[in-house]
Amino acid sequence: MASIPRKLLRNAVGLVNITAKRNYALPPDPLARFKALASASKEQPRVLITGSLGQLGRGLNTVYK
């Protein structure tokens, strides 16, 4: 397996830090507020599967969790 050239790796690290330095360069995540709310709650949400997905049963519910 080939290794990543050091120059390319340095450039990739620089791209990661662009959001901290230049906030205007990348648009903010529109779902950030909802992700924060979802991670803050400890209780798992209850999901009601309706329609054709409901006919597949509880096995599908475990797959989606």
N, C-alpha and C. Protein backbone atom coordinates (compact mmCIF):
# COMPACT_ATOMS: atom_id res chain seq x y z
N MET A 1 0.84 -1.18 0.00
CA MET A 1 0.00 0.00 0.00
C MET A 1 0.89 1.24 0.00
N ALA A 2 0.60 2.15 -0.89
CA ALA A 2 1.41 3.36 -1.02
C ALA A 2 1.08 4.35 0.09
N SER A 3 2.09 5.05 0.54
CA SER A 3 1.86 6.05 1.58
C SER A 3 1.49 7.39 0.94
N ILE A 4 0.86 8.24 1.69
CA ILE A 4 0.45 9.56 1.22
C ILE A 4 1.66 10.48 1.29
N PRO A 5 1.96 11.18 0.20
CA PRO A 5 3.10 12.11 0.25
C PRO A 5 2.90 13.18 1.32
N ARG A 6 3.99 13.54 1.97
CA ARG A 6 3.93 14.49 3.08
C ARG A 6 3.36 15.84 2.66
N LYS A 7 3.70 16.30 1.45
CA LYS A 7 3.21 17.59 0.97
C LYS A 7 1.69 17.55 0.80
N LEU A 8 1.17 16.46 0.26
CA LEU A 8 -0.27 16.33 0.09
C LEU A 8 -0.97 16.25 1.43
N LEU A 9 -0.39 15.54 2.37
CA LEU A 9 -0.97 15.42 3.70
C LEU A 9 -1.01 16.79 4.40
N ARG A 10 0.03 17.58 4.25
CA ARG A 10 0.08 18.90 4.85
C ARG A 10 -1.03 19.78 4.27
N ASN A 11 -1.27 19.68 2.97
CA ASN A 11 -2.33 20.46 2.34
C ASN A 11 -3.70 20.01 2.83
N ALA A 12 -3.89 18.72 3.05
CA ALA A 12 -5.18 18.22 3.53
C ALA A 12 -5.45 18.73 4.94
N VAL A 13 -4.43 18.79 5.77
CA VAL A 13 -4.61 19.32 7.13
C VAL A 13 -4.95 20.80 7.07
N GLY A 14 -4.36 21.52 6.15
CA GLY A 14 -4.67 22.93 5.99
C GLY A 14 -6.11 23.16 5.57
N LEU A 15 -6.66 22.28 4.76
CA LEU A 15 -8.05 22.40 4.35
C LEU A 15 -9.01 22.17 5.50
N VAL A 16 -8.63 21.32 6.42
CA VAL A 16 -9.49 21.04 7.57
C VAL A 16 -9.61 22.28 8.45
N ASN A 17 -8.54 23.04 8.58
CA ASN A 17 -8.53 24.20 9.46
C ASN A 17 -9.14 25.45 8.82
N ILE A 18 -9.57 25.38 7.58
CA ILE A 18 -10.09 26.58 6.90
C ILE A 18 -11.38 27.06 7.55
N THR A 19 -12.19 26.17 8.09
CA THR A 19 -13.46 26.60 8.69
C THR A 19 -13.24 27.42 9.95
N ALA A 20 -12.18 27.15 10.69
CA ALA A 20 -11.93 27.89 11.92
C ALA A 20 -11.40 29.29 11.61
N LYS A 21 -10.64 29.43 10.55
CA LYS A 21 -10.04 30.72 10.24
C LYS A 21 -10.94 31.59 9.38
N ARG A 22 -11.59 30.99 8.40
CA ARG A 22 -12.42 31.76 7.48
C ARG A 22 -13.82 31.18 7.48
N ASN A 23 -14.66 31.66 8.33
CA ASN A 23 -16.02 31.15 8.45
C ASN A 23 -16.83 31.45 7.20
N TYR A 24 -16.48 32.49 6.48
CA TYR A 24 -17.24 32.85 5.29
C TYR A 24 -16.95 31.92 4.11
N ALA A 25 -15.88 31.13 4.18
CA ALA A 25 -15.50 30.29 3.05
C ALA A 25 -16.47 29.13 2.86
N LEU A 26 -16.97 28.58 3.94
CA LEU A 26 -17.88 27.45 3.86
C LEU A 26 -19.19 27.81 4.54
N PRO A 27 -20.32 27.43 3.95
CA PRO A 27 -21.60 27.75 4.59
C PRO A 27 -21.77 26.94 5.87
N PRO A 28 -22.45 27.48 6.87
CA PRO A 28 -22.66 26.73 8.11
C PRO A 28 -23.61 25.56 7.87
N ASP A 29 -23.49 24.55 8.69
CA ASP A 29 -24.34 23.37 8.57
C ASP A 29 -25.76 23.75 8.98
N PRO A 30 -26.75 23.60 8.09
CA PRO A 30 -28.12 24.00 8.45
C PRO A 30 -28.75 23.08 9.51
N LEU A 31 -28.22 21.89 9.67
CA LEU A 31 -28.79 20.94 10.63
C LEU A 31 -28.02 20.91 11.95
N ALA A 32 -27.09 21.83 12.16
CA ALA A 32 -26.25 21.80 13.36
C ALA A 32 -27.09 21.92 14.63
N ARG A 33 -28.11 22.77 14.61
CA ARG A 33 -28.94 22.95 15.80
C ARG A 33 -29.69 21.66 16.13
N PHE A 34 -30.21 20.99 15.11
CA PHE A 34 -30.96 19.76 15.34
C PHE A 34 -30.05 18.61 15.77
N LYS A 35 -28.84 18.58 15.23
CA LYS A 35 -27.89 17.55 15.65
C LYS A 35 -27.50 17.74 17.11
N ALA A 36 -27.34 18.98 17.54
CA ALA A 36 -27.00 19.26 18.93
C ALA A 36 -28.14 18.85 19.86
N LEU A 37 -29.38 19.11 19.45
CA LEU A 37 -30.53 18.70 20.26
C LEU A 37 -30.64 17.19 20.34
N ALA A 38 -30.39 16.51 19.24
CA ALA A 38 -30.49 15.05 19.22
C ALA A 38 -29.42 14.41 20.09
N SER A 39 -28.22 14.96 20.08
CA SER A 39 -27.15 14.38 20.88
C SER A 39 -27.30 14.72 22.36
N ALA A 40 -28.03 15.81 22.68
CA ALA A 40 -28.20 16.22 24.07
C ALA A 40 -29.20 15.32 24.81
N SER A 41 -30.18 14.79 24.09
CA SER A 41 -31.19 13.96 24.76
C SER A 41 -30.67 12.53 24.91
N LYS A 42 -30.85 11.98 26.08
CA LYS A 42 -30.36 10.63 26.36
C LYS A 42 -31.38 9.57 25.96
N GLU A 43 -32.64 9.94 25.93
CA GLU A 43 -33.69 8.98 25.63
C GLU A 43 -33.81 8.78 24.12
N GLN A 44 -33.86 7.53 23.69
CA GLN A 44 -34.03 7.24 22.27
C GLN A 44 -35.45 7.58 21.84
N PRO A 45 -35.62 8.19 20.69
CA PRO A 45 -36.98 8.53 20.24
C PRO A 45 -37.76 7.28 19.86
N ARG A 46 -39.06 7.34 20.07
CA ARG A 46 -39.92 6.24 19.65
C ARG A 46 -40.35 6.53 18.23
N VAL A 47 -40.32 5.51 17.41
CA VAL A 47 -40.61 5.67 16.00
C VAL A 47 -41.85 4.89 15.65
N LEU A 48 -42.79 5.53 14.98
CA LEU A 48 -43.99 4.87 14.49
C LEU A 48 -43.83 4.67 12.99
N ILE A 49 -43.76 3.42 12.58
CA ILE A 49 -43.60 3.10 11.16
C ILE A 49 -44.98 2.85 10.59
N THR A 50 -45.36 3.66 9.60
CA THR A 50 -46.70 3.54 9.02
C THR A 50 -46.59 3.20 7.54
N GLY A 51 -47.71 2.90 6.95
CA GLY A 51 -47.75 2.62 5.52
C GLY A 51 -47.13 1.28 5.19
N SER A 52 -46.53 1.18 4.03
CA SER A 52 -45.97 -0.09 3.59
C SER A 52 -44.78 -0.51 4.44
N LEU A 53 -44.06 0.45 5.02
CA LEU A 53 -42.95 0.09 5.90
C LEU A 53 -43.45 -0.56 7.18
N GLY A 54 -44.64 -0.17 7.66
CA GLY A 54 -45.20 -0.77 8.86
C GLY A 54 -45.55 -2.23 8.65
N GLN A 55 -45.85 -2.62 7.45
CA GLN A 55 -46.19 -4.00 7.16
C GLN A 55 -44.96 -4.90 7.20
N LEU A 56 -43.79 -4.34 7.09
CA LEU A 56 -42.57 -5.15 7.14
C LEU A 56 -42.23 -5.58 8.56
N GLY A 57 -42.79 -4.90 9.55
CA GLY A 57 -42.66 -5.37 10.92
C GLY A 57 -41.56 -4.72 11.72
N ARG A 58 -41.31 -5.32 12.88
CA ARG A 58 -40.37 -4.75 13.84
C ARG A 58 -38.92 -4.99 13.43
N GLY A 59 -38.68 -5.95 12.57
CA GLY A 59 -37.31 -6.20 12.12
C GLY A 59 -36.72 -5.00 11.39
N LEU A 60 -37.55 -4.35 10.60
CA LEU A 60 -37.10 -3.16 9.89
C LEU A 60 -36.79 -2.03 10.86
N ASN A 61 -37.55 -1.95 11.93
CA ASN A 61 -37.32 -0.92 12.95
C ASN A 61 -35.95 -1.10 13.58
N THR A 62 -35.55 -2.33 13.85
CA THR A 62 -34.23 -2.56 14.44
C THR A 62 -33.11 -2.23 13.46
N VAL A 63 -33.36 -2.43 12.18
CA VAL A 63 -32.34 -2.08 11.18
C VAL A 63 -32.13 -0.58 11.13
N TYR A 64 -33.21 0.20 11.22
CA TYR A 64 -33.11 1.65 11.13
C TYR A 64 -32.57 2.29 12.40
N LYS A 65 -32.56 1.59 13.53
CA LYS A 65 -32.03 2.18 14.77
C LYS A 65 -30.57 2.17 14.69
